[in-house]
Amino acid sequence: MSKFTKLAAITAAATFVCTGAFAQTKWDMATPYPDSNFHTKNIIDFTKDVDKATNGSLKITVHSAGSLIKHPEIKRSVRQGIAPAGEVLISLHANESPIYGLDSVPFLVTGYDEAKKLYEAQRDALSKRLAEEGLILLYSVPWPPQGLFSSKEIKSIADLRGLKFRTYNTATGRIAALSGATPVQVEAPDIPTAFATGRVESMITSSSTGVDSKVWDFLKFYYDVEAWLPRNVVIVNKAAFDKLTPAEQKAVTEAAKQAEARGWTFSEEEAKAKTRQLATNGLTVAPPPAALKTGLQDIGKTMTEEWEKSAGAVGTSVLQAYRK
């Protein structure tokens, strides 16, 4: 049996249980991050809100830390109905559509207000693209701004040349290429091992991932470059959603609105707390040197132009809406 066949056999994608007059639907939700991560905590709150609003008629079980489905496979699994719902870093799928990678274009936005404005400009196009795959966008929450972690001091872009650089999506791969770093694909759970064994020497990621990975065990420097605010999306299989009663559908969409608002607040609080934690545990935490900042901004300008060209009229429209 294939991996997905086995998974479908042991995991009921949407189980319908009837007891007398009470009907209960059970969903599995695949998520990539541990229970301690703020995204996972927010999803658990979301499922509790759905449970309460439906009086238990829709039960959503969260399978965190990639325990049900590994991160790169979550979107496809939700699309195929193997799991009715899931959470993904949407830029992980930028190779499928440029609209999935917009939030990870470096230095297009550098703070929460700009990130929210970009999301508002992008949301309709993002929802439409997901709908083409039979998926519904429930909500989206950003990670804290991305910073540069390194085993050695970085004063300019030139210092990245030749360094083994952790990548996890199309954007980080392109940054490696433009900076002259050596790209190495590493998923979040594998970060500690990758650095400990010398597979990678630097990375751009959030302070949250840095703390989750206990980077102070193997890294020395964190530059708060605020490169971009990549967003996770929580998605649901449309066929599974359509099987819900109107009341259950409303409960899910209302809980999603609450989760989105709560998640953005969580993210801002997380950025402050986790950056402090990095410093407390011995990392040198500093703003980027002027030469490094200028070099990264130049990379960002190049990547924004590349993104707009690849996205065509839709991309131009989204950027125009954002820049108004």
Protein backbone atom coordinates (compact mmCIF):
# COMPACT_ATOMS: atom_id res chain seq x y z
CA MET A 1 0.00 0.00 0.00
CA SER A 2 1.19 3.53 -0.73
CA LYS A 3 1.91 5.92 2.09
CA PHE A 4 -1.23 7.93 1.44
CA THR A 5 -3.39 4.80 1.05
CA LYS A 6 -2.20 3.59 4.42
CA LEU A 7 -2.83 7.00 5.92
CA ALA A 8 -6.34 7.08 4.49
CA ALA A 9 -6.97 3.61 5.83
CA ILE A 10 -6.01 4.45 9.40
CA THR A 11 -7.19 8.04 9.53
CA ALA A 12 -10.82 8.83 8.82
CA ALA A 13 -10.74 12.04 6.82
CA ALA A 14 -14.26 12.96 7.87
CA THR A 15 -16.03 10.50 10.11
CA PHE A 16 -19.75 10.78 10.53
CA VAL A 17 -21.08 9.24 13.74
CA CYS A 18 -24.77 8.93 14.45
CA THR A 19 -26.19 8.20 17.89
CA GLY A 20 -29.95 8.52 18.02
CA ALA A 21 -30.83 12.02 16.90
CA PHE A 22 -27.25 13.30 17.39
CA ALA A 23 -24.91 13.36 14.40
CA GLN A 24 -21.24 14.08 14.88
CA THR A 25 -18.59 14.82 12.26
CA LYS A 26 -14.93 14.21 13.10
CA TRP A 27 -12.09 15.93 11.28
CA ASP A 28 -8.34 15.42 11.49
CA MET A 29 -6.21 18.53 11.15
CA ALA A 30 -2.56 18.16 10.14
CA THR A 31 -0.13 20.80 11.42
CA PRO A 32 3.68 21.00 11.12
CA TYR A 33 4.68 22.66 14.40
CA PRO A 34 4.92 21.48 18.03
CA ASP A 35 2.24 22.10 20.64
CA SER A 36 4.40 24.80 22.22
CA ASN A 37 4.37 26.91 19.03
CA PHE A 38 1.97 29.86 18.99
CA HIS A 39 0.47 28.80 15.65
CA THR A 40 -0.45 25.41 17.09
CA LYS A 41 -1.83 26.96 20.27
CA ASN A 42 -3.99 29.23 18.12
CA ILE A 43 -5.29 26.27 16.10
CA ILE A 44 -6.16 24.38 19.28
CA ASP A 45 -8.14 27.42 20.46
CA PHE A 46 -9.82 27.49 17.05
CA THR A 47 -10.92 23.85 17.38
CA LYS A 48 -12.26 24.52 20.87
CA ASP A 49 -14.28 27.46 19.55
CA VAL A 50 -15.73 25.25 16.79
CA ASP A 51 -16.57 22.51 19.29
CA LYS A 52 -18.36 24.99 21.54
CA ALA A 53 -20.23 26.73 18.73
CA THR A 54 -21.47 23.43 17.25
CA ASN A 55 -22.30 21.86 20.63
CA GLY A 56 -19.89 19.08 19.78
CA SER A 57 -21.37 18.17 16.41
CA LEU A 58 -18.01 18.94 14.72
CA LYS A 59 -14.92 17.59 16.44
CA ILE A 60 -11.51 18.57 15.06
CA THR A 61 -8.45 16.65 16.25
CA VAL A 62 -5.15 18.46 15.86
CA HIS A 63 -2.16 16.34 14.87
CA SER A 64 0.82 18.60 15.58
CA ALA A 65 4.55 18.47 14.76
CA GLY A 66 3.99 16.66 11.48
CA SER A 67 2.82 13.57 13.36
CA LEU A 68 0.06 12.78 10.85
CA ILE A 69 1.46 14.26 7.63
CA LYS A 70 4.82 15.89 7.00
CA HIS A 71 4.79 19.60 6.21
CA PRO A 72 5.53 19.48 2.45
CA GLU A 73 2.67 17.01 1.95
CA ILE A 74 -0.05 18.70 4.02
CA LYS A 75 -1.59 20.86 1.29
CA ARG A 76 -1.78 17.98 -1.15
CA SER A 77 -3.25 15.72 1.52
CA VAL A 78 -5.99 18.24 2.32
CA ARG A 79 -6.68 18.71 -1.37
CA GLN A 80 -7.04 14.94 -1.78
CA GLY A 81 -9.26 14.65 1.28
CA ILE A 82 -6.82 12.48 3.22
CA ALA A 83 -7.12 15.05 6.00
CA PRO A 84 -10.01 17.52 5.82
CA ALA A 85 -7.99 20.42 7.24
CA GLY A 86 -4.42 21.53 7.73
CA GLU A 87 -1.97 24.35 8.29
CA VAL A 88 0.92 25.16 5.95
CA LEU A 89 3.52 27.82 5.38
CA ILE A 90 2.04 28.94 2.09
CA SER A 91 5.34 30.08 0.58
CA LEU A 92 6.43 26.46 0.70
CA HIS A 93 4.29 26.09 -2.44
CA ALA A 94 5.48 29.18 -4.33
CA ASN A 95 6.71 26.93 -7.15
CA GLU A 96 3.06 26.04 -7.83
CA SER A 97 1.86 29.65 -8.11
CA PRO A 98 3.55 33.04 -7.58
CA ILE A 99 0.64 34.19 -5.41
CA TYR A 100 1.70 31.62 -2.81
CA GLY A 101 5.10 33.28 -2.48
CA LEU A 102 4.22 36.97 -2.22
CA ASP A 103 4.42 37.15 1.58
CA SER A 104 8.03 35.90 1.43
CA VAL A 105 9.41 38.47 -1.01
CA PRO A 106 12.09 40.08 1.16
CA PHE A 107 11.79 43.71 2.19
CA LEU A 108 8.50 44.20 0.42
CA VAL A 109 7.10 44.60 3.94
CA THR A 110 9.06 45.03 7.18
CA GLY A 111 6.45 45.28 9.93
CA TYR A 112 3.03 44.08 11.03
CA ASP A 113 1.06 47.04 9.69
CA GLU A 114 2.59 46.63 6.23
CA ALA A 115 2.18 42.84 6.39
CA LYS A 116 -1.53 43.17 7.17
CA LYS A 117 -1.99 45.63 4.34
CA LEU A 118 -0.27 43.22 1.95
CA TYR A 119 -2.48 40.35 3.11
CA GLU A 120 -5.61 42.42 2.56
CA ALA A 121 -4.45 43.22 -0.98
CA GLN A 122 -3.57 39.59 -1.65
CA ARG A 123 -6.38 37.71 0.05
CA ASP A 124 -8.89 37.54 -2.83
CA ALA A 125 -6.26 36.31 -5.28
CA LEU A 126 -4.95 33.81 -2.72
CA SER A 127 -8.44 32.48 -1.98
CA LYS A 128 -9.20 32.16 -5.68
CA ARG A 129 -6.01 30.19 -6.36
CA LEU A 130 -6.67 27.83 -3.46
CA ALA A 131 -10.26 27.38 -4.65
CA GLU A 132 -8.92 26.14 -7.97
CA GLU A 133 -7.44 23.24 -5.99
CA GLY A 134 -10.66 22.53 -4.12
CA LEU A 135 -9.44 24.30 -0.98
CA ILE A 136 -10.99 26.97 1.21
CA LEU A 137 -8.83 29.55 2.98
CA LEU A 138 -10.03 29.78 6.57
CA TYR A 139 -7.46 32.20 7.92
CA SER A 140 -3.85 33.30 7.75
CA VAL A 141 -1.41 34.37 10.47
CA PRO A 142 2.16 35.67 10.05
CA TRP A 143 5.31 34.53 11.70
CA PRO A 144 7.37 37.18 13.48
CA PRO A 145 9.65 39.12 11.15
CA GLN A 146 12.48 37.02 9.76
CA GLY A 147 15.97 37.57 11.10
CA LEU A 148 19.41 36.36 10.10
CA PHE A 149 21.05 33.71 12.30
CA SER A 150 24.69 32.84 11.85
CA SER A 151 27.54 30.92 13.41
CA LYS A 152 29.86 33.83 12.63
CA GLU A 153 29.65 37.62 12.48
CA ILE A 154 28.03 38.99 9.31
CA LYS A 155 28.88 42.57 8.38
CA SER A 156 27.77 42.60 4.74
CA ILE A 157 26.24 40.41 2.04
CA ALA A 158 29.77 39.46 1.02
CA ASP A 159 30.14 37.60 4.33
CA LEU A 160 27.36 35.22 3.29
CA ARG A 161 29.24 34.08 0.20
CA GLY A 162 30.06 30.40 0.46
CA LEU A 163 28.25 29.90 3.77
CA LYS A 164 25.97 26.87 3.92
CA PHE A 165 22.57 28.55 4.12
CA ARG A 166 19.38 26.83 5.28
CA THR A 167 16.53 27.09 2.77
CA TYR A 168 12.91 25.98 3.14
CA ASN A 169 11.05 27.59 0.24
CA THR A 170 11.60 29.24 -3.14
CA ALA A 171 12.34 32.66 -1.64
CA THR A 172 15.06 31.49 0.72
CA GLY A 173 16.60 29.51 -2.11
CA ARG A 174 16.70 32.63 -4.26
CA ILE A 175 18.28 34.67 -1.43
CA ALA A 176 21.03 32.07 -1.22
CA ALA A 177 21.60 32.31 -4.96
CA LEU A 178 21.71 36.12 -5.03
CA SER A 179 23.98 36.36 -1.99
CA GLY A 180 26.38 33.66 -3.12
CA ALA A 181 25.55 31.37 -0.19
CA THR A 182 25.26 27.60 -0.60
CA PRO A 183 21.61 26.50 -0.29
CA VAL A 184 20.72 23.50 1.87
CA GLN A 185 17.06 22.44 2.20
CA VAL A 186 16.21 21.87 5.87
CA GLU A 187 12.74 21.64 7.45
CA ALA A 188 12.13 23.23 10.86
CA PRO A 189 12.25 20.00 12.95
CA ASP A 190 15.69 19.18 11.48
CA ILE A 191 17.35 22.54 12.21
CA PRO A 192 19.25 21.50 15.38
CA THR A 193 20.74 18.41 13.75
CA ALA A 194 21.62 20.31 10.57
CA PHE A 195 23.60 22.93 12.46
CA ALA A 196 25.11 20.50 14.95
CA THR A 197 26.48 18.37 12.13
CA GLY A 198 27.72 21.30 10.07
CA ARG A 199 25.24 20.85 7.22
CA VAL A 200 24.30 24.52 7.55
CA GLU A 201 25.96 27.61 9.05
CA SER A 202 23.36 30.35 8.65
CA MET A 203 19.66 30.88 8.04
CA ILE A 204 16.93 33.46 7.82
CA THR A 205 13.96 32.53 9.98
CA SER A 206 11.82 33.87 12.80
CA SER A 207 12.88 34.31 16.39
CA SER A 208 10.15 31.76 17.22
CA THR A 209 11.80 29.04 15.17
CA GLY A 210 15.12 30.05 16.68
CA VAL A 211 13.81 29.50 20.20
CA ASP A 212 11.98 26.29 19.24
CA SER A 213 15.29 25.01 17.85
CA LYS A 214 17.37 26.22 20.84
CA VAL A 215 19.79 27.85 18.44
CA TRP A 216 21.99 29.08 21.31
CA ASP A 217 23.37 25.55 21.45
CA PHE A 218 25.05 25.99 18.07
CA LEU A 219 24.82 29.64 16.88
CA LYS A 220 26.17 32.97 18.13
CA PHE A 221 24.57 35.81 16.18
CA TYR A 222 21.04 37.04 15.42
CA TYR A 223 20.51 40.09 13.22
CA ASP A 224 17.03 41.58 13.45
CA VAL A 225 16.78 42.39 9.74
CA GLU A 226 12.95 42.13 9.55
CA ALA A 227 13.33 40.64 6.10
CA TRP A 228 9.68 39.61 5.69
CA LEU A 229 6.72 38.18 7.60
CA PRO A 230 5.85 34.83 6.02
CA ARG A 231 2.33 33.61 6.68
CA ASN A 232 0.83 30.28 7.53
CA VAL A 233 -2.59 29.49 6.11
CA VAL A 234 -5.21 27.20 7.58
CA ILE A 235 -7.11 25.45 4.81
CA VAL A 236 -9.99 23.01 4.53
CA ASN A 237 -11.05 20.61 1.82
CA LYS A 238 -14.08 22.17 0.10
CA ALA A 239 -15.91 18.86 -0.33
CA ALA A 240 -15.57 18.19 3.40
CA PHE A 241 -16.71 21.73 4.23
CA ASP A 242 -19.73 21.41 1.92
CA LYS A 243 -20.87 18.32 3.85
CA LEU A 244 -21.27 20.35 7.02
CA THR A 245 -24.62 21.78 7.99
CA PRO A 246 -25.09 25.52 7.42
CA ALA A 247 -24.82 26.07 11.17
CA GLU A 248 -21.54 24.16 11.32
CA GLN A 249 -20.16 26.05 8.33
CA LYS A 250 -20.97 29.33 10.04
CA ALA A 251 -19.32 28.13 13.25
CA VAL A 252 -16.13 27.27 11.36
CA THR A 253 -15.93 30.57 9.48
CA GLU A 254 -16.70 32.63 12.60
CA ALA A 255 -14.10 30.73 14.63
CA ALA A 256 -11.63 31.31 11.78
CA LYS A 257 -12.17 35.07 11.94
CA GLN A 258 -11.48 35.01 15.67
CA ALA A 259 -8.40 32.83 15.17
CA GLU A 260 -6.99 35.19 12.56
CA ALA A 261 -7.35 38.24 14.79
CA ARG A 262 -6.00 36.36 17.81
CA GLY A 263 -3.13 34.91 15.79
CA TRP A 264 -1.85 38.28 14.62
CA THR A 265 -1.81 39.46 18.23
CA PHE A 266 -0.04 36.26 19.30
CA SER A 267 2.55 36.82 16.57
CA GLU A 268 3.42 40.35 17.69
CA GLU A 269 3.71 39.24 21.31
CA GLU A 270 5.79 36.29 20.19
CA ALA A 271 8.24 38.47 18.26
CA LYS A 272 9.05 40.56 21.30
CA ALA A 273 9.23 37.69 23.77
CA LYS A 274 11.30 35.33 21.62
CA THR A 275 13.81 37.97 20.61
CA ARG A 276 14.38 38.69 24.30
CA GLN A 277 14.76 34.96 24.92
CA LEU A 278 17.46 34.67 22.27
CA ALA A 279 19.48 37.37 24.02
CA THR A 280 18.87 35.86 27.45
CA ASN A 281 20.31 32.57 26.25
CA GLY A 282 23.52 34.13 25.03
CA LEU A 283 23.05 35.11 21.39
CA THR A 284 24.37 38.45 20.25
CA VAL A 285 21.17 40.20 19.14
CA ALA A 286 21.69 43.29 17.01
CA PRO A 287 20.25 45.33 14.15
CA PRO A 288 21.90 44.64 10.78
CA PRO A 289 25.05 46.60 9.95
CA ALA A 290 24.42 49.24 7.29
CA ALA A 291 26.24 47.32 4.55
CA LEU A 292 24.27 44.14 5.28
CA LYS A 293 20.96 46.01 5.30
CA THR A 294 21.72 47.70 1.99
CA GLY A 295 22.72 44.40 0.41
CA LEU A 296 19.57 42.67 1.58
CA GLN A 297 17.42 45.55 0.34
CA ASP A 298 19.03 45.23 -3.09
CA ILE A 299 18.19 41.52 -3.10
CA GLY A 300 14.63 42.42 -2.09
CA LYS A 301 14.24 44.87 -4.96
CA THR A 302 15.44 42.26 -7.44
CA MET A 303 13.12 39.60 -6.04
CA THR A 304 10.10 41.93 -6.02
CA GLU A 305 10.66 42.69 -9.71
CA GLU A 306 11.07 38.97 -10.44
CA TRP A 307 7.91 38.12 -8.53
CA GLU A 308 5.81 40.73 -10.33
CA LYS A 309 7.03 39.52 -13.70
CA SER A 310 6.24 35.90 -12.88
CA ALA A 311 2.81 36.73 -11.44
CA GLY A 312 1.68 38.73 -14.48
CA ALA A 313 -1.45 40.89 -14.39
CA VAL A 314 -2.68 39.36 -11.13
CA GLY A 315 0.59 40.17 -9.41
CA THR A 316 0.66 43.73 -10.71
CA SER A 317 -2.92 44.25 -9.51
CA VAL A 318 -2.11 42.96 -6.02
CA LEU A 319 1.00 45.14 -5.72
CA GLN A 320 -0.89 48.20 -6.95
CA ALA A 321 -3.59 47.59 -4.34
CA TYR A 322 -0.93 47.21 -1.64
CA ARG A 323 0.93 50.36 -2.65
CA LYS A 324 -2.12 52.62 -2.71
